[in-house]
Amino acid sequence: MKGYVITGTDTDVGKTVFAAALVGHLGARYWKPVQAGIKGGTDTQRVAALADGRATILPEAYVLDTPCSPHEAARIDRVQIAPERLVLPEGDGPLVVEGAGGALVPVSDDLLFADLFAGWGLPVILVARTALGTISHSLLSLEALRSRGVSVHGLAFIGDANPASEETIVRFGKVQHLGRLPRLDPLTPEALAEAFARQIRVDLL
């Protein structure tokens, strides 16, 4: 199966926006296995809007009301997350899977997202902010993924250009730089597609 897993170095780094741009570019299928928190809309709804009809949107395995780590959201919502429901969906065309928060966010009481990634076997794209703290967060995330045998396809940045931090992460992390998306205001499907084509190394995807 061709595709990518999208994870972040932290919550709210911009991985959903990157995922939306990627699925739109590839005309891919999109799957968010576990959504925790629905106020203001889900990540799946946001990707569907930003991909603007250029992606196939698959339903989540779990949608939890509480906006926190999935394992805690499931406990609060009295839902049992079963690993057998988190198998990659079959189908034609590339698949883009988005995790929740960072790579080491717990899915359940005995399962981390990084462990799921290792079992799925798809290469991971790590999304990182360019702001202060990104070097340590990025390098720690890369180590956590690789320690589980996860293949890291590359790293994409979100935010204002920060060449010194970006170069440091790429050098120490031995990872390819896929490009950087700026924060877009307004964030529209057209603006996102244009920025992705201009700023991201689509030849590496």
N, C-alpha and C. Protein backbone atom coordinates (compact mmCIF):
# COMPACT_ATOMS: atom_id res chain seq x y z
N MET A 1 0.85 -1.20 0.00
CA MET A 1 0.00 0.00 0.00
C MET A 1 0.88 1.24 0.00
N LYS A 2 0.62 2.16 -0.92
CA LYS A 2 1.38 3.40 -0.97
C LYS A 2 0.69 4.46 -0.12
N GLY A 3 1.46 5.20 0.60
CA GLY A 3 0.88 6.27 1.40
C GLY A 3 1.83 6.73 2.48
N TYR A 4 1.29 7.56 3.38
CA TYR A 4 2.09 8.13 4.45
C TYR A 4 1.26 8.22 5.73
N VAL A 5 1.96 8.14 6.84
CA VAL A 5 1.39 8.51 8.13
C VAL A 5 1.89 9.91 8.46
N ILE A 6 0.99 10.77 8.89
CA ILE A 6 1.36 12.13 9.27
C ILE A 6 1.27 12.24 10.79
N THR A 7 2.38 12.56 11.41
CA THR A 7 2.37 12.81 12.85
C THR A 7 3.09 14.13 13.11
N GLY A 8 2.92 14.63 14.32
CA GLY A 8 3.52 15.92 14.67
C GLY A 8 4.47 15.79 15.83
N THR A 9 5.21 16.85 16.07
CA THR A 9 6.09 16.89 17.24
C THR A 9 5.30 17.26 18.50
N ASP A 10 4.07 17.74 18.30
CA ASP A 10 3.25 18.20 19.41
C ASP A 10 1.84 18.46 18.88
N THR A 11 0.94 18.85 19.76
CA THR A 11 -0.40 19.23 19.36
C THR A 11 -0.39 20.62 18.73
N ASP A 12 -1.23 20.80 17.72
CA ASP A 12 -1.41 22.10 17.07
C ASP A 12 -0.17 22.62 16.36
N VAL A 13 0.64 21.71 15.81
CA VAL A 13 1.79 22.17 15.03
C VAL A 13 1.41 22.44 13.58
N GLY A 14 0.24 21.95 13.16
CA GLY A 14 -0.19 22.17 11.79
C GLY A 14 -0.26 20.92 10.95
N LYS A 15 -0.25 19.75 11.59
CA LYS A 15 -0.22 18.51 10.81
C LYS A 15 -1.51 18.25 10.05
N THR A 16 -2.65 18.72 10.57
CA THR A 16 -3.91 18.52 9.84
C THR A 16 -3.93 19.36 8.56
N VAL A 17 -3.40 20.57 8.64
CA VAL A 17 -3.32 21.42 7.45
C VAL A 17 -2.37 20.78 6.43
N PHE A 18 -1.23 20.28 6.89
CA PHE A 18 -0.31 19.62 5.99
C PHE A 18 -0.96 18.38 5.38
N ALA A 19 -1.65 17.60 6.21
CA ALA A 19 -2.31 16.39 5.71
C ALA A 19 -3.34 16.73 4.64
N ALA A 20 -4.09 17.81 4.86
CA ALA A 20 -5.10 18.23 3.88
C ALA A 20 -4.44 18.60 2.56
N ALA A 21 -3.34 19.33 2.64
CA ALA A 21 -2.63 19.71 1.41
C ALA A 21 -2.07 18.48 0.71
N LEU A 22 -1.55 17.54 1.47
CA LEU A 22 -0.96 16.34 0.88
C LEU A 22 -2.02 15.47 0.20
N VAL A 23 -3.15 15.23 0.87
CA VAL A 23 -4.18 14.40 0.24
C VAL A 23 -4.75 15.08 -0.99
N GLY A 24 -4.86 16.40 -0.95
CA GLY A 24 -5.32 17.12 -2.13
C GLY A 24 -4.35 16.99 -3.29
N HIS A 25 -3.07 17.10 -2.98
CA HIS A 25 -2.03 16.99 -4.01
C HIS A 25 -2.00 15.60 -4.63
N LEU A 26 -2.11 14.57 -3.77
CA LEU A 26 -2.02 13.19 -4.24
C LEU A 26 -3.35 12.64 -4.75
N GLY A 27 -4.46 13.33 -4.44
CA GLY A 27 -5.77 12.76 -4.72
C GLY A 27 -5.97 11.48 -3.92
N ALA A 28 -5.52 11.52 -2.67
CA ALA A 28 -5.42 10.32 -1.84
C ALA A 28 -6.68 10.10 -1.00
N ARG A 29 -6.70 8.95 -0.37
CA ARG A 29 -7.68 8.66 0.67
C ARG A 29 -7.13 9.20 2.00
N TYR A 30 -8.00 9.73 2.84
CA TYR A 30 -7.59 10.27 4.14
C TYR A 30 -8.30 9.52 5.25
N TRP A 31 -7.53 9.16 6.29
CA TRP A 31 -8.12 8.45 7.43
C TRP A 31 -7.52 8.97 8.72
N LYS A 32 -8.40 9.41 9.60
CA LYS A 32 -8.04 9.78 10.98
C LYS A 32 -8.62 8.69 11.87
N PRO A 33 -7.82 7.74 12.34
CA PRO A 33 -8.40 6.60 13.05
C PRO A 33 -9.11 6.96 14.34
N VAL A 34 -8.55 7.89 15.11
CA VAL A 34 -9.16 8.27 16.40
C VAL A 34 -9.23 9.79 16.48
N GLN A 35 -10.44 10.31 16.60
CA GLN A 35 -10.67 11.74 16.80
C GLN A 35 -11.09 11.96 18.25
N ALA A 36 -10.33 12.77 18.97
CA ALA A 36 -10.67 13.08 20.37
C ALA A 36 -10.98 14.57 20.46
N GLY A 37 -12.25 14.89 20.66
CA GLY A 37 -12.70 16.27 20.71
C GLY A 37 -13.41 16.65 19.42
N ILE A 38 -14.65 17.11 19.55
CA ILE A 38 -15.44 17.42 18.35
C ILE A 38 -15.94 18.87 18.33
N LYS A 39 -15.69 19.61 19.40
CA LYS A 39 -16.13 21.00 19.42
C LYS A 39 -15.38 21.80 18.36
N GLY A 40 -16.13 22.50 17.53
CA GLY A 40 -15.52 23.27 16.47
C GLY A 40 -15.24 22.46 15.21
N GLY A 41 -15.65 21.19 15.21
CA GLY A 41 -15.44 20.33 14.05
C GLY A 41 -14.29 19.37 14.23
N THR A 42 -14.29 18.31 13.45
CA THR A 42 -13.25 17.28 13.54
C THR A 42 -12.15 17.54 12.52
N ASP A 43 -11.03 16.86 12.70
CA ASP A 43 -9.94 16.96 11.73
C ASP A 43 -10.38 16.44 10.37
N THR A 44 -11.19 15.39 10.37
CA THR A 44 -11.69 14.83 9.12
C THR A 44 -12.52 15.86 8.36
N GLN A 45 -13.37 16.58 9.06
CA GLN A 45 -14.18 17.63 8.42
C GLN A 45 -13.29 18.76 7.88
N ARG A 46 -12.26 19.08 8.63
CA ARG A 46 -11.36 20.15 8.20
C ARG A 46 -10.58 19.75 6.95
N VAL A 47 -10.10 18.52 6.93
CA VAL A 47 -9.37 18.04 5.76
C VAL A 47 -10.30 17.99 4.54
N ALA A 48 -11.51 17.53 4.74
CA ALA A 48 -12.46 17.47 3.63
C ALA A 48 -12.69 18.86 3.04
N ALA A 49 -12.81 19.87 3.90
CA ALA A 49 -13.04 21.23 3.42
C ALA A 49 -11.82 21.78 2.71
N LEU A 50 -10.63 21.54 3.27
CA LEU A 50 -9.41 22.12 2.69
C LEU A 50 -8.96 21.37 1.43
N ALA A 51 -9.26 20.08 1.35
CA ALA A 51 -8.90 19.31 0.15
C ALA A 51 -9.84 19.62 -1.00
N ASP A 52 -11.02 20.16 -0.68
CA ASP A 52 -11.94 20.71 -1.68
C ASP A 52 -12.28 19.71 -2.79
N GLY A 53 -12.70 18.50 -2.36
CA GLY A 53 -13.16 17.51 -3.32
C GLY A 53 -12.07 16.72 -4.01
N ARG A 54 -10.81 16.95 -3.67
CA ARG A 54 -9.71 16.25 -4.33
C ARG A 54 -9.21 15.05 -3.53
N ALA A 55 -9.99 14.62 -2.54
CA ALA A 55 -9.59 13.50 -1.70
C ALA A 55 -10.80 12.63 -1.39
N THR A 56 -10.53 11.38 -1.05
CA THR A 56 -11.57 10.48 -0.58
C THR A 56 -11.47 10.42 0.94
N ILE A 57 -12.52 10.81 1.62
CA ILE A 57 -12.51 10.89 3.07
C ILE A 57 -13.11 9.63 3.67
N LEU A 58 -12.34 8.94 4.48
CA LEU A 58 -12.79 7.72 5.13
C LEU A 58 -13.27 8.02 6.55
N PRO A 59 -14.26 7.29 7.05
CA PRO A 59 -14.76 7.55 8.40
C PRO A 59 -13.78 7.11 9.48
N GLU A 60 -13.78 7.83 10.59
CA GLU A 60 -12.93 7.47 11.72
C GLU A 60 -13.36 6.13 12.32
N ALA A 61 -12.41 5.45 12.93
CA ALA A 61 -12.76 4.26 13.70
C ALA A 61 -13.42 4.64 15.01
N TYR A 62 -12.97 5.76 15.60
CA TYR A 62 -13.53 6.25 16.86
C TYR A 62 -13.63 7.77 16.81
N VAL A 63 -14.76 8.28 17.26
CA VAL A 63 -14.93 9.73 17.46
C VAL A 63 -15.33 9.93 18.91
N LEU A 64 -14.45 10.57 19.67
CA LEU A 64 -14.64 10.77 21.10
C LEU A 64 -14.94 12.23 21.39
N ASP A 65 -15.82 12.46 22.35
CA ASP A 65 -16.26 13.82 22.65
C ASP A 65 -15.19 14.65 23.33
N THR A 66 -14.42 14.05 24.21
CA THR A 66 -13.52 14.79 25.09
C THR A 66 -12.22 15.16 24.39
N PRO A 67 -11.84 16.44 24.43
CA PRO A 67 -10.61 16.88 23.75
C PRO A 67 -9.36 16.68 24.61
N CYS A 68 -8.84 15.46 24.59
CA CYS A 68 -7.60 15.17 25.30
C CYS A 68 -6.98 13.93 24.67
N SER A 69 -5.95 13.39 25.27
CA SER A 69 -5.31 12.20 24.74
C SER A 69 -6.35 11.10 24.51
N PRO A 70 -6.30 10.38 23.39
CA PRO A 70 -7.34 9.38 23.10
C PRO A 70 -7.57 8.36 24.21
N HIS A 71 -6.51 7.91 24.87
CA HIS A 71 -6.73 6.91 25.92
C HIS A 71 -7.55 7.48 27.07
N GLU A 72 -7.32 8.76 27.41
CA GLU A 72 -8.08 9.39 28.49
C GLU A 72 -9.47 9.79 28.01
N ALA A 73 -9.57 10.26 26.77
CA ALA A 73 -10.88 10.59 26.20
C ALA A 73 -11.78 9.35 26.17
N ALA A 74 -11.19 8.21 25.81
CA ALA A 74 -11.96 6.97 25.78
C ALA A 74 -12.44 6.58 27.18
N ARG A 75 -11.59 6.77 28.16
CA ARG A 75 -11.99 6.45 29.55
C ARG A 75 -13.14 7.35 29.99
N ILE A 76 -13.01 8.65 29.71
CA ILE A 76 -14.05 9.60 30.12
C ILE A 76 -15.36 9.31 29.37
N ASP A 77 -15.25 8.99 28.10
CA ASP A 77 -16.44 8.73 27.28
C ASP A 77 -16.95 7.30 27.43
N ARG A 78 -16.26 6.49 28.22
CA ARG A 78 -16.64 5.09 28.47
C ARG A 78 -16.68 4.28 27.18
N VAL A 79 -15.57 4.41 26.44
CA VAL A 79 -15.39 3.68 25.19
C VAL A 79 -14.15 2.82 25.30
N GLN A 80 -14.22 1.60 24.82
CA GLN A 80 -13.07 0.72 24.80
C GLN A 80 -12.47 0.74 23.39
N ILE A 81 -11.23 1.21 23.27
CA ILE A 81 -10.58 1.25 21.96
C ILE A 81 -9.94 -0.11 21.69
N ALA A 82 -10.41 -0.76 20.61
CA ALA A 82 -9.93 -2.09 20.25
C ALA A 82 -8.91 -1.99 19.13
N PRO A 83 -7.70 -2.50 19.31
CA PRO A 83 -6.66 -2.41 18.28
C PRO A 83 -7.08 -3.00 16.94
N GLU A 84 -7.94 -4.02 16.96
CA GLU A 84 -8.35 -4.65 15.70
C GLU A 84 -9.18 -3.72 14.81
N ARG A 85 -9.70 -2.64 15.39
CA ARG A 85 -10.43 -1.66 14.59
C ARG A 85 -9.50 -0.60 14.02
N LEU A 86 -8.23 -0.67 14.34
CA LEU A 86 -7.25 0.32 13.90
C LEU A 86 -6.32 -0.24 12.82
N VAL A 87 -6.81 -1.21 12.06
CA VAL A 87 -6.08 -1.76 10.93
C VAL A 87 -6.25 -0.82 9.74
N LEU A 88 -5.20 -0.64 8.96
CA LEU A 88 -5.28 0.26 7.81
C LEU A 88 -6.41 -0.16 6.87
N PRO A 89 -7.24 0.78 6.46
CA PRO A 89 -8.34 0.45 5.54
C PRO A 89 -7.82 0.10 4.15
N GLU A 90 -8.39 -0.93 3.56
CA GLU A 90 -8.01 -1.32 2.21
C GLU A 90 -8.72 -0.43 1.20
N GLY A 91 -8.19 -0.39 0.00
CA GLY A 91 -8.80 0.41 -1.05
C GLY A 91 -7.79 0.78 -2.10
N ASP A 92 -8.27 1.41 -3.16
CA ASP A 92 -7.40 1.82 -4.26
C ASP A 92 -6.83 3.21 -4.02
N GLY A 93 -5.63 3.43 -4.51
CA GLY A 93 -5.01 4.74 -4.42
C GLY A 93 -4.24 4.93 -3.13
N PRO A 94 -3.42 5.97 -3.08
CA PRO A 94 -2.61 6.24 -1.88
C PRO A 94 -3.47 6.57 -0.67
N LEU A 95 -2.93 6.30 0.49
CA LEU A 95 -3.61 6.53 1.76
C LEU A 95 -2.77 7.45 2.62
N VAL A 96 -3.41 8.47 3.19
CA VAL A 96 -2.76 9.36 4.15
C VAL A 96 -3.47 9.20 5.48
N VAL A 97 -2.72 8.81 6.49
CA VAL A 97 -3.27 8.56 7.83
C VAL A 97 -2.73 9.61 8.78
N GLU A 98 -3.60 10.23 9.54
CA GLU A 98 -3.17 11.25 10.50
C GLU A 98 -3.31 10.75 11.93
N GLY A 99 -2.22 10.85 12.67
CA GLY A 99 -2.27 10.49 14.08
C GLY A 99 -2.89 11.60 14.92
N ALA A 100 -2.71 11.51 16.23
CA ALA A 100 -3.25 12.51 17.15
C ALA A 100 -2.10 13.07 17.97
N GLY A 101 -1.91 14.40 17.94
CA GLY A 101 -0.83 15.00 18.71
C GLY A 101 0.53 14.52 18.22
N GLY A 102 1.38 14.12 19.16
CA GLY A 102 2.71 13.66 18.83
C GLY A 102 2.81 12.16 18.69
N ALA A 103 4.00 11.68 18.36
CA ALA A 103 4.21 10.26 18.08
C ALA A 103 3.97 9.37 19.29
N LEU A 104 4.22 9.89 20.49
CA LEU A 104 4.09 9.07 21.70
C LEU A 104 2.80 9.31 22.46
N VAL A 105 1.79 9.82 21.79
CA VAL A 105 0.47 9.97 22.42
C VAL A 105 -0.15 8.58 22.59
N PRO A 106 -0.70 8.27 23.78
CA PRO A 106 -1.32 6.96 23.99
C PRO A 106 -2.66 6.84 23.25
N VAL A 107 -2.81 5.71 22.56
CA VAL A 107 -4.10 5.39 21.93
C VAL A 107 -5.00 4.72 22.96
N SER A 108 -4.42 3.85 23.74
CA SER A 108 -5.13 3.16 24.82
C SER A 108 -4.16 3.03 25.98
N ASP A 109 -4.56 2.30 27.02
CA ASP A 109 -3.71 2.20 28.21
C ASP A 109 -2.41 1.44 27.96
N ASP A 110 -2.34 0.68 26.87
CA ASP A 110 -1.12 -0.10 26.61
C ASP A 110 -0.64 0.01 25.16
N LEU A 111 -1.02 1.10 24.48
CA LEU A 111 -0.64 1.26 23.09
C LEU A 111 -0.39 2.73 22.77
N LEU A 112 0.78 3.02 22.18
CA LEU A 112 1.12 4.37 21.73
C LEU A 112 0.94 4.47 20.22
N PHE A 113 0.72 5.69 19.72
CA PHE A 113 0.59 5.86 18.28
C PHE A 113 1.83 5.37 17.54
N ALA A 114 3.02 5.62 18.08
CA ALA A 114 4.24 5.16 17.42
C ALA A 114 4.25 3.64 17.25
N ASP A 115 3.66 2.92 18.20
CA ASP A 115 3.57 1.46 18.08
C ASP A 115 2.62 1.08 16.94
N LEU A 116 1.53 1.83 16.80
CA LEU A 116 0.64 1.61 15.66
C LEU A 116 1.37 1.85 14.35
N PHE A 117 2.11 2.95 14.29
CA PHE A 117 2.84 3.29 13.07
C PHE A 117 3.78 2.14 12.67
N ALA A 118 4.47 1.57 13.67
CA ALA A 118 5.41 0.48 13.39
C ALA A 118 4.68 -0.72 12.81
N GLY A 119 3.49 -1.00 13.33
CA GLY A 119 2.72 -2.12 12.82
C GLY A 119 2.15 -1.88 11.44
N TRP A 120 1.79 -0.64 11.15
CA TRP A 120 1.21 -0.33 9.84
C TRP A 120 2.23 -0.44 8.71
N GLY A 121 3.46 -0.04 8.97
CA GLY A 121 4.50 -0.17 7.96
C GLY A 121 4.57 0.93 6.93
N LEU A 122 3.73 1.96 7.05
CA LEU A 122 3.80 3.09 6.12
C LEU A 122 4.90 4.06 6.57
N PRO A 123 5.57 4.73 5.64
CA PRO A 123 6.54 5.74 6.04
C PRO A 123 5.85 6.93 6.70
N VAL A 124 6.55 7.54 7.63
CA VAL A 124 6.00 8.66 8.40
C VAL A 124 6.58 9.98 7.90
N ILE A 125 5.72 10.98 7.79
CA ILE A 125 6.17 12.36 7.62
C ILE A 125 5.94 13.07 8.94
N LEU A 126 7.01 13.61 9.50
CA LEU A 126 6.93 14.33 10.77
C LEU A 126 6.73 15.82 10.48
N VAL A 127 5.71 16.40 11.09
CA VAL A 127 5.41 17.82 10.92
C VAL A 127 5.84 18.55 12.19
N ALA A 128 6.63 19.62 12.01
CA ALA A 128 7.18 20.36 13.14
C ALA A 128 6.97 21.86 12.96
N ARG A 129 6.79 22.56 14.06
CA ARG A 129 6.75 24.02 13.99
C ARG A 129 8.17 24.55 13.85
N THR A 130 8.30 25.81 13.47
CA THR A 130 9.63 26.41 13.35
C THR A 130 9.99 27.25 14.58
N ALA A 131 9.07 27.38 15.52
CA ALA A 131 9.26 28.25 16.68
C ALA A 131 10.24 27.63 17.68
N LEU A 132 10.56 28.39 18.72
CA LEU A 132 11.49 27.98 19.76
C LEU A 132 11.08 26.64 20.36
N GLY A 133 12.04 25.76 20.53
CA GLY A 133 11.78 24.44 21.10
C GLY A 133 11.68 23.34 20.07
N THR A 134 11.63 23.72 18.80
CA THR A 134 11.39 22.71 17.77
C THR A 134 12.57 21.75 17.59
N ILE A 135 13.78 22.18 17.88
CA ILE A 135 14.93 21.29 17.68
C ILE A 135 14.82 20.05 18.57
N SER A 136 14.64 20.27 19.86
CA SER A 136 14.55 19.14 20.78
C SER A 136 13.32 18.28 20.51
N HIS A 137 12.17 18.92 20.31
CA HIS A 137 10.94 18.17 20.06
C HIS A 137 11.07 17.31 18.80
N SER A 138 11.67 17.88 17.76
CA SER A 138 11.81 17.15 16.50
C SER A 138 12.77 15.98 16.63
N LEU A 139 13.93 16.22 17.24
CA LEU A 139 14.93 15.16 17.36
C LEU A 139 14.44 14.03 18.28
N LEU A 140 13.74 14.40 19.34
CA LEU A 140 13.17 13.37 20.22
C LEU A 140 12.14 12.53 19.49
N SER A 141 11.31 13.19 18.68
CA SER A 141 10.29 12.46 17.91
C SER A 141 10.93 11.50 16.92
N LEU A 142 11.97 11.96 16.24
CA LEU A 142 12.67 11.11 15.28
C LEU A 142 13.27 9.89 15.98
N GLU A 143 13.87 10.09 17.14
CA GLU A 143 14.46 8.97 17.87
C GLU A 143 13.39 7.98 18.31
N ALA A 144 12.26 8.50 18.78
CA ALA A 144 11.18 7.61 19.24
C ALA A 144 10.64 6.77 18.09
N LEU A 145 10.50 7.37 16.92
CA LEU A 145 9.99 6.63 15.76
C LEU A 145 11.00 5.58 15.31
N ARG A 146 12.24 5.98 15.15
CA ARG A 146 13.25 5.06 14.63
C ARG A 146 13.57 3.93 15.60
N SER A 147 13.43 4.18 16.90
CA SER A 147 13.69 3.12 17.88
C SER A 147 12.68 1.98 17.75
N ARG A 148 11.55 2.26 17.10
CA ARG A 148 10.52 1.24 16.88
C ARG A 148 10.56 0.69 15.46
N GLY A 149 11.58 1.09 14.71
CA GLY A 149 11.71 0.59 13.36
C GLY A 149 10.82 1.28 12.35
N VAL A 150 10.29 2.46 12.70
CA VAL A 150 9.43 3.21 11.79
C VAL A 150 10.28 3.94 10.77
N SER A 151 9.93 3.82 9.50
CA SER A 151 10.64 4.53 8.44
C SER A 151 10.15 5.98 8.38
N VAL A 152 11.07 6.92 8.49
CA VAL A 152 10.73 8.35 8.44
C VAL A 152 11.03 8.85 7.03
N HIS A 153 10.00 9.23 6.30
CA HIS A 153 10.19 9.69 4.93
C HIS A 153 10.81 11.09 4.88
N GLY A 154 10.44 11.93 5.82
CA GLY A 154 10.97 13.29 5.82
C GLY A 154 10.28 14.14 6.86
N LEU A 155 10.71 15.39 6.91
CA LEU A 155 10.18 16.33 7.89
C LEU A 155 9.68 17.57 7.17
N ALA A 156 8.47 18.00 7.52
CA ALA A 156 7.88 19.21 6.96
C ALA A 156 7.69 20.22 8.09
N PHE A 157 8.05 21.47 7.82
CA PHE A 157 7.92 22.52 8.82
C PHE A 157 6.69 23.37 8.55
N ILE A 158 6.17 23.95 9.62
CA ILE A 158 5.04 24.87 9.55
C ILE A 158 5.42 26.15 10.29
N GLY A 159 5.26 27.30 9.62
CA GLY A 159 5.51 28.57 10.30
C GLY A 159 6.48 29.44 9.52
N ASP A 160 6.95 30.48 10.19
CA ASP A 160 7.93 31.39 9.58
C ASP A 160 9.26 30.68 9.37
N ALA A 161 9.98 31.09 8.35
CA ALA A 161 11.28 30.48 8.07
C ALA A 161 12.22 30.64 9.25
N ASN A 162 12.91 29.55 9.57
CA ASN A 162 13.91 29.55 10.64
C ASN A 162 15.07 28.66 10.16
N PRO A 163 15.85 29.16 9.21
CA PRO A 163 16.87 28.33 8.57
C PRO A 163 17.83 27.64 9.54
N ALA A 164 18.22 28.34 10.60
CA ALA A 164 19.19 27.75 11.54
C ALA A 164 18.62 26.51 12.22
N SER A 165 17.38 26.62 12.73
CA SER A 165 16.75 25.48 13.40
C SER A 165 16.45 24.35 12.42
N GLU A 166 15.96 24.71 11.24
CA GLU A 166 15.61 23.70 10.24
C GLU A 166 16.86 22.91 9.83
N GLU A 167 17.96 23.61 9.57
CA GLU A 167 19.19 22.95 9.15
C GLU A 167 19.74 22.07 10.26
N THR A 168 19.63 22.53 11.50
CA THR A 168 20.14 21.76 12.64
C THR A 168 19.38 20.45 12.79
N ILE A 169 18.06 20.52 12.66
CA ILE A 169 17.24 19.30 12.79
C ILE A 169 17.55 18.32 11.67
N VAL A 170 17.64 18.83 10.47
CA VAL A 170 17.94 17.96 9.32
C VAL A 170 19.30 17.30 9.48
N ARG A 171 20.28 18.05 9.97
CA ARG A 171 21.65 17.51 10.10
C ARG A 171 21.74 16.48 11.22
N PHE A 172 21.29 16.84 12.40
CA PHE A 172 21.36 15.91 13.52
C PHE A 172 20.39 14.74 13.35
N GLY A 173 19.22 15.02 12.78
CA GLY A 173 18.21 13.98 12.63
C GLY A 173 18.41 13.11 11.42
N LYS A 174 19.35 13.50 10.53
CA LYS A 174 19.60 12.73 9.31
C LYS A 174 18.28 12.42 8.59
N VAL A 175 17.56 13.48 8.30
CA VAL A 175 16.23 13.36 7.70
C VAL A 175 16.14 14.36 6.56
N GLN A 176 15.37 14.02 5.53
CA GLN A 176 15.26 14.95 4.42
C GLN A 176 14.21 16.03 4.71
N HIS A 177 14.53 17.22 4.27
CA HIS A 177 13.70 18.41 4.46
C HIS A 177 12.70 18.46 3.30
N LEU A 178 11.43 18.30 3.63
CA LEU A 178 10.39 18.28 2.60
C LEU A 178 9.85 19.67 2.27
N GLY A 179 10.26 20.67 3.04
CA GLY A 179 9.80 22.02 2.79
C GLY A 179 9.09 22.62 3.99
N ARG A 180 8.57 23.82 3.79
CA ARG A 180 7.94 24.55 4.90
C ARG A 180 6.69 25.27 4.40
N LEU A 181 5.58 25.04 5.09
CA LEU A 181 4.35 25.77 4.81
C LEU A 181 4.25 26.97 5.75
N PRO A 182 3.99 28.15 5.23
CA PRO A 182 3.75 29.29 6.12
C PRO A 182 2.36 29.19 6.73
N ARG A 183 2.16 29.92 7.82
CA ARG A 183 0.81 30.06 8.36
C ARG A 183 0.01 30.93 7.40
N LEU A 184 -1.11 30.42 6.93
CA LEU A 184 -1.89 31.12 5.91
C LEU A 184 -3.10 31.82 6.53
N ASP A 185 -3.29 33.07 6.19
CA ASP A 185 -4.43 33.85 6.66
C ASP A 185 -4.91 34.77 5.53
N PRO A 186 -6.05 34.44 4.92
CA PRO A 186 -6.96 33.36 5.28
C PRO A 186 -6.48 32.00 4.78
N LEU A 187 -6.88 30.96 5.49
CA LEU A 187 -6.56 29.60 5.09
C LEU A 187 -7.70 29.08 4.22
N THR A 188 -7.47 29.04 2.94
CA THR A 188 -8.48 28.58 1.98
C THR A 188 -7.91 27.41 1.20
N PRO A 189 -8.76 26.59 0.58
CA PRO A 189 -8.25 25.48 -0.24
C PRO A 189 -7.31 25.96 -1.33
N GLU A 190 -7.64 27.08 -1.95
CA GLU A 190 -6.82 27.60 -3.04
C GLU A 190 -5.46 28.07 -2.54
N ALA A 191 -5.45 28.82 -1.43
CA ALA A 191 -4.19 29.31 -0.87
C ALA A 191 -3.32 28.17 -0.40
N LEU A 192 -3.94 27.15 0.20
CA LEU A 192 -3.18 26.01 0.70
C LEU A 192 -2.56 25.22 -0.46
N ALA A 193 -3.33 24.95 -1.49
CA ALA A 193 -2.81 24.20 -2.64
C ALA A 193 -1.67 24.95 -3.31
N GLU A 194 -1.80 26.26 -3.42
CA GLU A 194 -0.75 27.07 -4.04
C GLU A 194 0.52 27.06 -3.19
N ALA A 195 0.36 27.23 -1.87
CA ALA A 195 1.53 27.23 -0.98
C ALA A 195 2.21 25.87 -0.97
N PHE A 196 1.43 24.81 -0.99
CA PHE A 196 2.00 23.46 -0.98
C PHE A 196 2.82 23.22 -2.24
N ALA A 197 2.28 23.60 -3.40
CA ALA A 197 2.99 23.40 -4.67
C ALA A 197 4.26 24.24 -4.74
N ARG A 198 4.25 25.41 -4.10
CA ARG A 198 5.39 26.32 -4.16
C ARG A 198 6.45 26.01 -3.11
N GLN A 199 6.03 25.60 -1.92
CA GLN A 199 6.94 25.51 -0.78
C GLN A 199 7.38 24.09 -0.44
N ILE A 200 6.63 23.08 -0.88
CA ILE A 200 6.93 21.71 -0.50
C ILE A 200 7.61 20.98 -1.66
N ARG A 201 8.58 20.14 -1.32
CA ARG A 201 9.31 19.37 -2.33
C ARG A 201 8.42 18.23 -2.84
N VAL A 202 7.52 18.56 -3.73
CA VAL A 202 6.58 17.54 -4.23
C VAL A 202 7.30 16.45 -5.01
N ASP A 203 8.49 16.74 -5.49
CA ASP A 203 9.26 15.71 -6.19
C ASP A 203 9.73 14.60 -5.26
N LEU A 204 9.68 14.86 -3.95
CA LEU A 204 10.10 13.86 -2.97
C LEU A 204 8.93 13.05 -2.44
N LEU A 205 7.73 13.35 -2.89
CA LEU A 205 6.53 12.68 -2.36
C LEU A 205 6.09 11.54 -3.29
